[in-house]
PDB file of N, CA and C in Angstrom:
ATOM      1  N   MET A   1     -41.726  54.954 -63.488  1.00  0.00           N
ATOM      2  CA  MET A   1     -41.668  53.798 -62.810  1.00  0.00           C
ATOM      3  C   MET A   1     -40.141  53.774 -61.967  1.00  0.00           C
ATOM      4  N   ASN A   2     -39.829  53.426 -61.124  1.00  0.00           N
ATOM      5  CA  ASN A   2     -38.393  53.357 -60.428  1.00  0.00           C
ATOM      6  C   ASN A   2     -37.699  52.095 -60.604  1.00  0.00           C
ATOM      7  N   ASP A   3     -36.622  52.007 -61.588  1.00  0.00           N
ATOM      8  CA  ASP A   3     -35.979  50.971 -61.256  1.00  0.00           C
ATOM      9  C   ASP A   3     -35.018  50.562 -60.683  1.00  0.00           C
ATOM     10  N   ARG A   4     -34.869  51.250 -59.242  1.00  0.00           N
ATOM     11  CA  ARG A   4     -33.879  51.051 -58.200  1.00  0.00           C
ATOM     12  C   ARG A   4     -34.499  50.114 -57.071  1.00  0.00           C
ATOM     13  N   ILE A   5     -33.685  49.373 -56.832  1.00  0.00           N
ATOM     14  CA  ILE A   5     -33.951  48.570 -55.298  1.00  0.00           C
ATOM     15  C   ILE A   5     -33.087  49.081 -54.607  1.00  0.00           C
ATOM     16  N   ASN A   6     -33.723  49.648 -53.577  1.00  0.00           N
ATOM     17  CA  ASN A   6     -33.214  51.037 -52.341  1.00  0.00           C
ATOM     18  C   ASN A   6     -32.784  49.836 -50.970  1.00  0.00           C
ATOM     19  N   THR A   7     -33.339  48.689 -50.724  1.00  0.00           N
ATOM     20  CA  THR A   7     -33.169  47.997 -49.693  1.00  0.00           C
ATOM     21  C   THR A   7     -32.650  46.420 -49.717  1.00  0.00           C
ATOM     22  N   LEU A   8     -31.969  46.295 -48.783  1.00  0.00           N
ATOM     23  CA  LEU A   8     -31.742  44.674 -49.047  1.00  0.00           C
ATOM     24  C   LEU A   8     -32.898  43.737 -48.807  1.00  0.00           C
ATOM     25  N   ASP A   9     -33.790  44.283 -47.998  1.00  0.00           N
ATOM     26  CA  ASP A   9     -35.349  43.671 -47.711  1.00  0.00           C
ATOM     27  C   ASP A   9     -35.945  43.748 -49.628  1.00  0.00           C
ATOM     28  N   GLU A  10     -35.582  44.573 -50.198  1.00  0.00           N
ATOM     29  CA  GLU A  10     -36.563  44.800 -51.038  1.00  0.00           C
ATOM     30  C   GLU A  10     -35.630  43.868 -52.378  1.00  0.00           C
ATOM     31  N   LEU A  11     -34.332  43.605 -52.327  1.00  0.00           N
ATOM     32  CA  LEU A  11     -33.826  42.839 -53.170  1.00  0.00           C
ATOM     33  C   LEU A  11     -34.186  41.350 -52.678  1.00  0.00           C
ATOM     34  N   LEU A  12     -33.968  41.144 -51.608  1.00  0.00           N
ATOM     35  CA  LEU A  12     -34.129  39.682 -51.201  1.00  0.00           C
ATOM     36  C   LEU A  12     -35.333  39.251 -51.360  1.00  0.00           C
ATOM     37  N   SER A  13     -36.554  40.070 -51.472  1.00  0.00           N
ATOM     38  CA  SER A  13     -38.043  39.864 -51.774  1.00  0.00           C
ATOM     39  C   SER A  13     -38.428  39.803 -53.145  1.00  0.00           C
ATOM     40  N   ASP A  14     -37.628  40.145 -54.136  1.00  0.00           N
ATOM     41  CA  ASP A  14     -37.664  40.230 -55.401  1.00  0.00           C
ATOM     42  C   ASP A  14     -38.184  38.786 -56.183  1.00  0.00           C
ATOM     43  N   PRO A  15     -38.998  38.663 -56.786  1.00  0.00           N
ATOM     44  CA  PRO A  15     -39.320  37.306 -57.262  1.00  0.00           C
ATOM     45  C   PRO A  15     -38.298  36.485 -58.140  1.00  0.00           C
ATOM     46  N   MET A  16     -37.356  37.345 -59.056  1.00  0.00           N
ATOM     47  CA  MET A  16     -36.378  36.797 -59.806  1.00  0.00           C
ATOM     48  C   MET A  16     -35.244  36.524 -58.902  1.00  0.00           C
ATOM     49  N   VAL A  17     -35.019  37.247 -57.873  1.00  0.00           N
ATOM     50  CA  VAL A  17     -34.070  37.255 -56.827  1.00  0.00           C
ATOM     51  C   VAL A  17     -34.218  35.555 -56.289  1.00  0.00           C
ATOM     52  N   LYS A  18     -35.384  35.779 -55.912  1.00  0.00           N
ATOM     53  CA  LYS A  18     -35.676  34.302 -55.041  1.00  0.00           C
ATOM     54  C   LYS A  18     -35.900  33.067 -55.903  1.00  0.00           C
ATOM     55  N   LEU A  19     -35.885  33.204 -57.345  1.00  0.00           N
ATOM     56  CA  LEU A  19     -35.862  32.038 -58.174  1.00  0.00           C
ATOM     57  C   LEU A  19     -34.265  31.524 -58.382  1.00  0.00           C
ATOM     58  N   VAL A  20     -33.297  32.567 -58.325  1.00  0.00           N
ATOM     59  CA  VAL A  20     -31.944  32.391 -58.320  1.00  0.00           C
ATOM     60  C   VAL A  20     -31.481  32.012 -57.503  1.00  0.00           C
ATOM     61  N   MET A  21     -31.682  32.345 -56.506  1.00  0.00           N
ATOM     62  CA  MET A  21     -31.160  31.997 -55.042  1.00  0.00           C
ATOM     63  C   MET A  21     -31.548  30.476 -54.807  1.00  0.00           C
ATOM     64  N   GLU A  22     -32.950  30.465 -54.893  1.00  0.00           N
ATOM     65  CA  GLU A  22     -33.433  28.976 -55.095  1.00  0.00           C
ATOM     66  C   GLU A  22     -32.881  27.710 -55.937  1.00  0.00           C
ATOM     67  N   ARG A  23     -32.598  28.183 -57.014  1.00  0.00           N
ATOM     68  CA  ARG A  23     -31.860  27.445 -57.954  1.00  0.00           C
ATOM     69  C   ARG A  23     -30.153  27.323 -57.594  1.00  0.00           C
ATOM     70  N   ASP A  24     -29.729  28.242 -57.091  1.00  0.00           N
ATOM     71  CA  ASP A  24     -28.388  28.108 -56.731  1.00  0.00           C
ATOM     72  C   ASP A  24     -28.001  27.701 -55.168  1.00  0.00           C
ATOM     73  N   ARG A  25     -29.259  27.680 -54.546  1.00  0.00           N
ATOM     74  CA  ARG A  25     -29.106  27.063 -52.928  1.00  0.00           C
ATOM     75  C   ARG A  25     -28.485  27.969 -52.241  1.00  0.00           C
ATOM     76  N   VAL A  26     -28.897  29.166 -52.475  1.00  0.00           N
ATOM     77  CA  VAL A  26     -28.526  30.151 -51.616  1.00  0.00           C
ATOM     78  C   VAL A  26     -29.428  30.652 -50.441  1.00  0.00           C
ATOM     79  N   GLN A  27     -29.107  30.605 -49.224  1.00  0.00           N
ATOM     80  CA  GLN A  27     -30.223  31.107 -48.311  1.00  0.00           C
ATOM     81  C   GLN A  27     -30.032  32.134 -48.063  1.00  0.00           C
ATOM     82  N   PRO A  28     -31.245  32.909 -47.883  1.00  0.00           N
ATOM     83  CA  PRO A  28     -31.468  34.386 -47.809  1.00  0.00           C
ATOM     84  C   PRO A  28     -30.534  34.687 -46.769  1.00  0.00           C
ATOM     85  N   ALA A  29     -30.645  34.169 -45.441  1.00  0.00           N
ATOM     86  CA  ALA A  29     -29.835  34.648 -44.308  1.00  0.00           C
ATOM     87  C   ALA A  29     -28.524  34.599 -44.420  1.00  0.00           C
ATOM     88  N   GLU A  30     -27.744  33.614 -45.049  1.00  0.00           N
ATOM     89  CA  GLU A  30     -26.501  33.850 -45.597  1.00  0.00           C
ATOM     90  C   GLU A  30     -25.820  34.779 -46.150  1.00  0.00           C
ATOM     91  N   LEU A  31     -26.818  34.850 -47.317  1.00  0.00           N
ATOM     92  CA  LEU A  31     -26.739  36.310 -48.311  1.00  0.00           C
ATOM     93  C   LEU A  31     -26.669  37.704 -47.339  1.00  0.00           C
ATOM     94  N   ARG A  32     -27.802  37.791 -46.658  1.00  0.00           N
ATOM     95  CA  ARG A  32     -27.675  38.761 -45.969  1.00  0.00           C
ATOM     96  C   ARG A  32     -26.814  39.237 -44.980  1.00  0.00           C
ATOM     97  N   SER A  33     -26.326  38.320 -44.325  1.00  0.00           N
ATOM     98  CA  SER A  33     -24.911  38.429 -43.473  1.00  0.00           C
ATOM     99  C   SER A  33     -23.848  38.510 -44.101  1.00  0.00           C
ATOM    100  N   LEU A  34     -23.542  38.091 -45.374  1.00  0.00           N
ATOM    101  CA  LEU A  34     -22.422  38.623 -46.202  1.00  0.00           C
ATOM    102  C   LEU A  34     -22.537  39.738 -46.585  1.00  0.00           C
ATOM    103  N   LEU A  35     -23.622  40.357 -47.158  1.00  0.00           N
ATOM    104  CA  LEU A  35     -23.901  41.913 -47.407  1.00  0.00           C
ATOM    105  C   LEU A  35     -23.901  42.942 -46.635  1.00  0.00           C
ATOM    106  N   GLU A  36     -24.402  42.259 -45.276  1.00  0.00           N
ATOM    107  CA  GLU A  36     -23.942  43.493 -44.262  1.00  0.00           C
ATOM    108  C   GLU A  36     -22.833  43.426 -43.556  1.00  0.00           C
ATOM    109  N   GLU A  37     -21.978  42.284 -43.680  1.00  0.00           N
ATOM    110  CA  GLU A  37     -20.624  42.206 -43.390  1.00  0.00           C
ATOM    111  C   GLU A  37     -19.738  43.026 -44.409  1.00  0.00           C
ATOM    112  N   LYS A  38     -19.902  43.232 -45.571  1.00  0.00           N
ATOM    113  CA  LYS A  38     -19.512  43.800 -46.556  1.00  0.00           C
ATOM    114  C   LYS A  38     -19.843  45.327 -46.477  1.00  0.00           C
ATOM    115  N   VAL A  39     -20.607  45.700 -45.998  1.00  0.00           N
ATOM    116  CA  VAL A  39     -21.261  47.231 -45.707  1.00  0.00           C
ATOM    117  C   VAL A  39     -20.330  47.446 -44.471  1.00  0.00           C
ATOM    118  N   ARG A  40     -20.557  46.792 -43.520  1.00  0.00           N
ATOM    119  CA  ARG A  40     -19.427  47.084 -42.170  1.00  0.00           C
ATOM    120  C   ARG A  40     -18.171  47.331 -42.508  1.00  0.00           C
ATOM    121  N   ARG A  41     -17.610  46.651 -43.028  1.00  0.00           N
ATOM    122  CA  ARG A  41     -16.065  46.475 -43.607  1.00  0.00           C
ATOM    123  C   ARG A  41     -15.846  47.925 -44.299  1.00  0.00           C
ATOM    124  N   ASP A  42     -16.719  48.155 -45.348  1.00  0.00           N
ATOM    125  CA  ASP A  42     -16.550  49.375 -46.158  1.00  0.00           C
ATOM    126  C   ASP A  42     -16.664  50.540 -44.964  1.00  0.00           C
ATOM    127  N   ASP A  43     -17.947  50.650 -44.436  1.00  0.00           N
ATOM    128  CA  ASP A  43     -18.197  51.645 -43.442  1.00  0.00           C
ATOM    129  C   ASP A  43     -17.000  51.878 -42.255  1.00  0.00           C
ATOM    130  N   ALA A  44     -16.387  51.054 -42.220  1.00  0.00           N
ATOM    131  CA  ALA A  44     -15.138  50.624 -41.218  1.00  0.00           C
ATOM    132  C   ALA A  44     -13.557  51.769 -41.911  1.00  0.00           C
ATOM    133  N   SER A  45     -13.833  51.157 -43.094  1.00  0.00           N
ATOM    134  CA  SER A  45     -12.773  51.453 -43.844  1.00  0.00           C
ATOM    135  C   SER A  45     -12.413  52.776 -44.641  1.00  0.00           C
ATOM    136  N   VAL A  46     -13.660  53.741 -44.718  1.00  0.00           N
ATOM    137  CA  VAL A  46     -13.627  54.579 -45.623  1.00  0.00           C
ATOM    138  C   VAL A  46     -14.806  55.488 -44.979  1.00  0.00           C
ATOM    139  N   ASN A  47     -14.600  56.700 -44.856  1.00  0.00           N
ATOM    140  CA  ASN A  47     -15.408  57.559 -44.357  1.00  0.00           C
ATOM    141  C   ASN A  47     -16.190  58.187 -45.665  1.00  0.00           C
ATOM    142  N   PRO A  48     -17.675  57.396 -45.858  1.00  0.00           N
ATOM    143  CA  PRO A  48     -18.358  57.938 -47.330  1.00  0.00           C
ATOM    144  C   PRO A  48     -18.681  59.248 -47.374  1.00  0.00           C
ATOM    145  N   VAL A  49     -18.850  60.032 -46.095  1.00  0.00           N
ATOM    146  CA  VAL A  49     -19.387  61.390 -46.323  1.00  0.00           C
ATOM    147  C   VAL A  49     -18.151  62.361 -46.901  1.00  0.00           C
ATOM    148  N   ILE A  50     -17.154  61.899 -46.259  1.00  0.00           N
ATOM    149  CA  ILE A  50     -15.833  62.839 -46.508  1.00  0.00           C
ATOM    150  C   ILE A  50     -15.022  62.464 -48.040  1.00  0.00           C
ATOM    151  N   ASP A  51     -14.828  60.824 -48.077  1.00  0.00           N
ATOM    152  CA  ASP A  51     -14.153  60.507 -49.267  1.00  0.00           C
ATOM    153  C   ASP A  51     -14.627  60.041 -50.065  1.00  0.00           C
ATOM    154  N   ARG A  52     -16.106  59.766 -50.397  1.00  0.00           N
ATOM    155  CA  ARG A  52     -17.046  59.495 -51.233  1.00  0.00           C
ATOM    156  C   ARG A  52     -18.411  60.291 -51.432  1.00  0.00           C
ATOM    157  N   PRO A  53     -18.298  61.628 -51.531  1.00  0.00           N
ATOM    158  CA  PRO A  53     -19.198  62.479 -51.405  1.00  0.00           C
ATOM    159  C   PRO A  53     -20.242  62.117 -52.491  1.00  0.00           C
ATOM    160  N   GLY A  54     -21.619  61.881 -52.358  1.00  0.00           N
ATOM    161  CA  GLY A  54     -22.822  61.423 -53.013  1.00  0.00           C
ATOM    162  C   GLY A  54     -22.705  60.178 -53.479  1.00  0.00           C
ATOM    163  N   THR A  55     -21.932  59.259 -52.750  1.00  0.00           N
ATOM    164  CA  THR A  55     -22.061  57.893 -52.970  1.00  0.00           C
ATOM    165  C   THR A  55     -23.402  57.279 -52.811  1.00  0.00           C
ATOM    166  N   ASP A  56     -23.918  56.583 -53.784  1.00  0.00           N
ATOM    167  CA  ASP A  56     -25.160  55.623 -53.921  1.00  0.00           C
ATOM    168  C   ASP A  56     -24.828  54.527 -53.815  1.00  0.00           C
ATOM    169  N   ARG A  57     -25.716  53.733 -52.565  1.00  0.00           N
ATOM    170  CA  ARG A  57     -25.425  52.498 -51.995  1.00  0.00           C
ATOM    171  C   ARG A  57     -26.571  51.679 -52.044  1.00  0.00           C
ATOM    172  N   SER A  58     -27.337  52.099 -53.209  1.00  0.00           N
ATOM    173  CA  SER A  58     -28.531  51.335 -53.577  1.00  0.00           C
ATOM    174  C   SER A  58     -27.941  50.229 -54.779  1.00  0.00           C
ATOM    175  N   VAL A  59     -28.820  49.175 -54.815  1.00  0.00           N
ATOM    176  CA  VAL A  59     -28.508  47.873 -55.731  1.00  0.00           C
ATOM    177  C   VAL A  59     -29.484  48.268 -57.095  1.00  0.00           C
ATOM    178  N   PRO A  60     -28.752  48.026 -58.206  1.00  0.00           N
ATOM    179  CA  PRO A  60     -29.279  48.373 -59.358  1.00  0.00           C
ATOM    180  C   PRO A  60     -29.937  47.303 -59.540  1.00  0.00           C
ATOM    181  N   PRO A  61     -31.206  47.439 -60.419  1.00  0.00           N
ATOM    182  CA  PRO A  61     -32.078  46.333 -60.955  1.00  0.00           C
ATOM    183  C   PRO A  61     -31.461  45.386 -61.381  1.00  0.00           C
ATOM    184  N   ALA A  62     -32.124  44.128 -61.346  1.00  0.00           N
ATOM    185  CA  ALA A  62     -31.595  42.928 -62.138  1.00  0.00           C
ATOM    186  C   ALA A  62     -31.427  42.927 -63.668  1.00  0.00           C
ATOM    187  N   HIS A  63     -32.055  43.540 -64.285  1.00  0.00           N
ATOM    188  CA  HIS A  63     -31.959  43.890 -65.501  1.00  0.00           C
ATOM    189  C   HIS A  63     -30.998  44.543 -65.797  1.00  0.00           C
ATOM    190  N   MET A  64     -30.322  45.235 -65.223  1.00  0.00           N
ATOM    191  CA  MET A  64     -29.093  46.290 -65.562  1.00  0.00           C
ATOM    192  C   MET A  64     -27.741  45.347 -65.028  1.00  0.00           C
ATOM    193  N   VAL A  65     -27.846  44.798 -64.059  1.00  0.00           N
ATOM    194  CA  VAL A  65     -26.965  43.761 -63.734  1.00  0.00           C
ATOM    195  C   VAL A  65     -26.838  42.769 -64.973  1.00  0.00           C
ATOM    196  N   ALA A  66     -27.796  42.393 -65.262  1.00  0.00           N
ATOM    197  CA  ALA A  66     -27.647  41.384 -66.557  1.00  0.00           C
ATOM    198  C   ALA A  66     -27.229  42.102 -67.777  1.00  0.00           C
ATOM    199  N   GLU A  67     -27.627  42.886 -67.974  1.00  0.00           N
ATOM    200  CA  GLU A  67     -26.588  43.936 -69.219  1.00  0.00           C
ATOM    201  C   GLU A  67     -25.298  43.946 -68.819  1.00  0.00           C
ATOM    202  N   SER A  68     -25.156  44.167 -67.471  1.00  0.00           N
ATOM    203  CA  SER A  68     -23.349  44.310 -67.429  1.00  0.00           C
ATOM    204  C   SER A  68     -22.591  43.104 -67.582  1.00  0.00           C
ATOM    205  N   CYS A  69     -23.355  42.314 -67.328  1.00  0.00           N
ATOM    206  CA  CYS A  69     -22.743  40.840 -67.078  1.00  0.00           C
ATOM    207  C   CYS A  69     -22.664  40.463 -68.635  1.00  0.00           C
ATOM    208  N   HIS A  70     -23.711  40.661 -69.518  1.00  0.00           N
ATOM    209  CA  HIS A  70     -23.340  40.028 -70.889  1.00  0.00           C
ATOM    210  C   HIS A  70     -22.379  40.972 -71.521  1.00  0.00           C
ATOM    211  N   LYS A  71     -22.234  41.886 -71.373  1.00  0.00           N
ATOM    212  CA  LYS A  71     -21.229  42.838 -71.942  1.00  0.00           C
ATOM    213  C   LYS A  71     -19.887  42.311 -71.381  1.00  0.00           C
ATOM    214  N   LEU A  72     -19.820  41.903 -70.431  1.00  0.00           N
ATOM    215  CA  LEU A  72     -18.274  41.343 -70.246  1.00  0.00           C
ATOM    216  C   LEU A  72     -18.503  39.805 -70.301  1.00  0.00           C
ATOM    217  N   TRP A  73     -19.246  39.333 -71.110  1.00  0.00           N
ATOM    218  CA  TRP A  73     -19.448  37.952 -71.433  1.00  0.00           C
ATOM    219  C   TRP A  73     -19.331  36.914 -70.121  1.00  0.00           C
ATOM    220  N   LEU A  74     -19.882  37.476 -68.977  1.00  0.00           N
ATOM    221  CA  LEU A  74     -19.933  36.695 -67.817  1.00  0.00           C
ATOM    222  C   LEU A  74     -20.981  35.776 -67.830  1.00  0.00           C
ATOM    223  N   CYS A  75     -22.058  35.806 -68.552  1.00  0.00           N
ATOM    224  CA  CYS A  75     -23.310  34.828 -68.531  1.00  0.00           C
ATOM    225  C   CYS A  75     -23.734  34.434 -69.749  1.00  0.00           C
ATOM    226  N   GLY A  76     -24.269  33.418 -69.903  1.00  0.00           N
ATOM    227  CA  GLY A  76     -24.418  33.069 -71.380  1.00  0.00           C
ATOM    228  C   GLY A  76     -26.061  33.750 -71.921  1.00  0.00           C
TER     229      GLY A  76
END
């Protein structure tokens, strides 16, 4: 089983992500544009091939994010 979400489309189509976005009243189009702008800025400021070889730009699965969040006391 692969625990990685490799694209923004996969992230936005994940059922748990959809539920959280609905609860928080986040529009998928707004989140998409925010994340795409962040990627554009990162790409413009740093050459990932030279400065960050082997950079993995995939999004970790929700359960991994939740584990990190709990370790930092960011969620209940």
